[in-house]
Amino acid sequence: MLRTQIQTVSPNIRDAFILLFKTLPKEIQEDIKNELLTVTRKNKSATPTVNNIAEQFEHLSSELLEEFMMVSSPSQIALHPFYQKIIAMGEKAIPFLIKKLDETPTMWFWALEEISGDNPVSVSDKGNIPLMVSLWKKWAKNKGYAKR
């Protein structure tokens, strides 16, 4: 299975990759994202056609959790085609991402930042997961993405 083939990348390498990716011109970032979205996995079919955004999000996030249950590298998760499909949903995914913070918080911070173009977490607060979750939930309420 894929999860046994993936080796954890150190946080320094992960952070360097994310910083490098964000310095690329937007068109190159989009090309990379589009390329990742076209990748099909050997043992699993592409996302089924789903009319309901909630069902589509649930399908993609469940598949990710199944594959990456034992992986602690956010960059490996963030580059996965299903994660990229969630990001491609755009702002429609934000309420679902906010709800998922209670279950698997560390998986969704990058998607929230990528979709929103915002990050309510200061550098000094990074790593404090409960505080990061709280800040994102407060941000979502203020922006109208979460119930007050």
Protein backbone atom coordinates (compact mmCIF):
# COMPACT_ATOMS: atom_id res chain seq x y z
CA MET A 1 0.00 0.00 0.00
CA LEU A 2 1.09 3.56 -0.66
CA ARG A 3 1.41 4.47 2.99
CA THR A 4 4.14 1.84 3.47
CA GLN A 5 6.10 3.28 0.55
CA ILE A 6 6.16 6.86 1.82
CA GLN A 7 9.00 7.97 4.03
CA THR A 8 8.61 10.93 6.32
CA VAL A 9 10.32 14.12 5.20
CA SER A 10 11.92 16.21 7.92
CA PRO A 11 10.10 19.42 8.87
CA ASN A 12 13.02 21.50 7.57
CA ILE A 13 12.75 19.97 4.11
CA ARG A 14 8.95 20.30 4.17
CA ASP A 15 9.13 23.94 5.17
CA ALA A 16 11.78 24.63 2.51
CA PHE A 17 9.62 22.98 -0.13
CA ILE A 18 6.55 25.02 0.84
CA LEU A 19 8.57 28.24 0.87
CA LEU A 20 10.06 27.41 -2.52
CA PHE A 21 6.66 26.52 -3.98
CA LYS A 22 5.18 29.82 -2.79
CA THR A 23 8.00 31.79 -4.45
CA LEU A 24 7.20 30.33 -7.85
CA PRO A 25 5.18 32.49 -10.22
CA LYS A 26 1.43 31.85 -9.92
CA GLU A 27 1.24 30.36 -13.43
CA ILE A 28 3.90 27.78 -12.57
CA GLN A 29 2.13 26.98 -9.28
CA GLU A 30 -1.08 26.45 -11.26
CA ASP A 31 0.73 24.23 -13.79
CA ILE A 32 2.08 22.09 -10.96
CA LYS A 33 -1.35 21.85 -9.33
CA ASN A 34 -2.99 20.96 -12.64
CA GLU A 35 -0.38 18.30 -13.30
CA LEU A 36 -0.97 16.80 -9.87
CA LEU A 37 -4.72 16.78 -10.47
CA THR A 38 -4.33 14.76 -13.66
CA VAL A 39 -2.39 11.99 -11.94
CA THR A 40 -4.42 8.84 -11.52
CA ARG A 41 -3.58 6.30 -8.91
CA LYS A 42 -2.89 2.71 -9.86
CA ASN A 43 -5.20 0.93 -7.42
CA LYS A 44 -7.96 3.47 -7.02
CA SER A 45 -10.23 5.03 -9.57
CA ALA A 46 -10.61 8.77 -9.97
CA THR A 47 -13.09 10.60 -7.80
CA PRO A 48 -16.59 9.53 -8.73
CA THR A 49 -18.90 12.08 -10.22
CA VAL A 50 -20.62 13.62 -7.26
CA ASN A 51 -23.16 16.39 -7.56
CA ASN A 52 -23.12 17.30 -3.89
CA ILE A 53 -20.04 19.25 -2.79
CA ALA A 54 -20.33 17.81 0.74
CA GLU A 55 -20.26 14.25 -0.60
CA GLN A 56 -17.34 15.03 -2.88
CA PHE A 57 -15.39 16.62 -0.03
CA GLU A 58 -16.16 13.70 2.27
CA HIS A 59 -15.04 11.19 -0.36
CA LEU A 60 -11.74 12.96 -1.02
CA SER A 61 -10.95 13.63 2.64
CA SER A 62 -11.79 10.03 3.62
CA GLU A 63 -9.50 8.65 0.93
CA LEU A 64 -6.70 10.94 2.11
CA LEU A 65 -7.12 9.90 5.72
CA GLU A 66 -7.06 6.24 4.77
CA GLU A 67 -3.84 6.60 2.79
CA PHE A 68 -2.02 8.99 5.07
CA MET A 69 -3.05 7.73 8.50
CA MET A 70 0.57 6.99 9.39
CA VAL A 71 2.25 9.87 7.52
CA SER A 72 3.31 12.99 9.40
CA SER A 73 4.62 14.95 6.44
CA PRO A 74 2.23 17.76 5.46
CA SER A 75 4.05 18.26 2.16
CA GLN A 76 3.39 14.66 1.11
CA ILE A 77 -0.27 15.06 1.99
CA ALA A 78 -0.59 18.51 0.39
CA LEU A 79 0.84 17.30 -2.91
CA HIS A 80 -1.51 14.34 -3.18
CA PRO A 81 -3.99 14.63 -6.10
CA PHE A 82 -7.03 14.29 -3.81
CA TYR A 83 -5.75 17.07 -1.54
CA GLN A 84 -5.21 19.21 -4.62
CA LYS A 85 -8.78 18.46 -5.75
CA ILE A 86 -10.04 19.71 -2.40
CA ILE A 87 -8.04 22.91 -2.90
CA ALA A 88 -9.45 23.17 -6.43
CA MET A 89 -12.97 23.25 -4.93
CA GLY A 90 -12.06 26.73 -3.75
CA GLU A 91 -14.06 28.64 -1.18
CA LYS A 92 -16.87 26.05 -1.26
CA ALA A 93 -14.54 23.71 0.63
CA ILE A 94 -13.75 26.12 3.47
CA PRO A 95 -16.75 25.25 5.71
CA PHE A 96 -15.93 21.54 5.38
CA LEU A 97 -12.24 22.16 6.10
CA ILE A 98 -13.14 24.15 9.22
CA LYS A 99 -15.29 21.25 10.47
CA LYS A 100 -12.46 18.78 9.79
CA LEU A 101 -10.13 20.78 12.06
CA ASP A 102 -11.73 19.03 15.04
CA GLU A 103 -10.82 15.57 13.70
CA THR A 104 -7.52 15.99 11.87
CA PRO A 105 -6.34 19.57 12.31
CA THR A 106 -2.79 19.40 10.99
CA MET A 107 -3.97 18.06 7.64
CA TRP A 108 -6.01 21.09 6.66
CA PHE A 109 -4.08 24.24 7.59
CA TRP A 110 -2.22 24.39 4.27
CA ALA A 111 -5.44 23.93 2.26
CA LEU A 112 -7.17 26.68 4.21
CA GLU A 113 -4.29 29.07 3.61
CA GLU A 114 -4.00 28.13 -0.04
CA ILE A 115 -7.72 28.57 -0.74
CA SER A 116 -8.27 31.70 1.34
CA GLY A 117 -4.99 33.45 0.63
CA ASP A 118 -5.01 34.27 4.33
CA ASN A 119 -3.49 32.89 7.51
CA PRO A 120 -4.73 34.04 10.90
CA VAL A 121 -1.90 32.19 12.68
CA SER A 122 1.12 34.30 13.57
CA VAL A 123 4.61 32.88 13.28
CA SER A 124 4.89 32.76 17.07
CA ASP A 125 1.70 30.64 17.29
CA LYS A 126 2.74 28.03 14.71
CA GLY A 127 3.00 24.60 16.27
CA ASN A 128 0.37 25.31 18.93
CA ILE A 129 -2.29 23.15 17.25
CA PRO A 130 -5.22 23.92 19.60
CA LEU A 131 -4.55 27.66 19.22
CA MET A 132 -4.18 27.33 15.44
CA VAL A 133 -7.53 25.53 15.24
CA SER A 134 -9.12 28.22 17.39
CA LEU A 135 -7.68 31.03 15.24
CA TRP A 136 -8.89 29.41 12.01
CA LYS A 137 -12.37 28.88 13.47
CA LYS A 138 -12.51 32.51 14.59
CA TRP A 139 -11.33 33.58 11.13
CA ALA A 140 -14.05 31.43 9.52
CA LYS A 141 -16.74 32.97 11.70
CA ASN A 142 -15.55 36.48 10.92
CA LYS A 143 -15.56 35.73 7.19
CA GLY A 144 -18.97 34.05 7.27
CA TYR A 145 -17.74 30.51 6.54
CA ALA A 146 -18.81 29.00 9.86
CA LYS A 147 -21.92 29.22 11.96
CA ARG A 148 -21.61 31.79 14.71
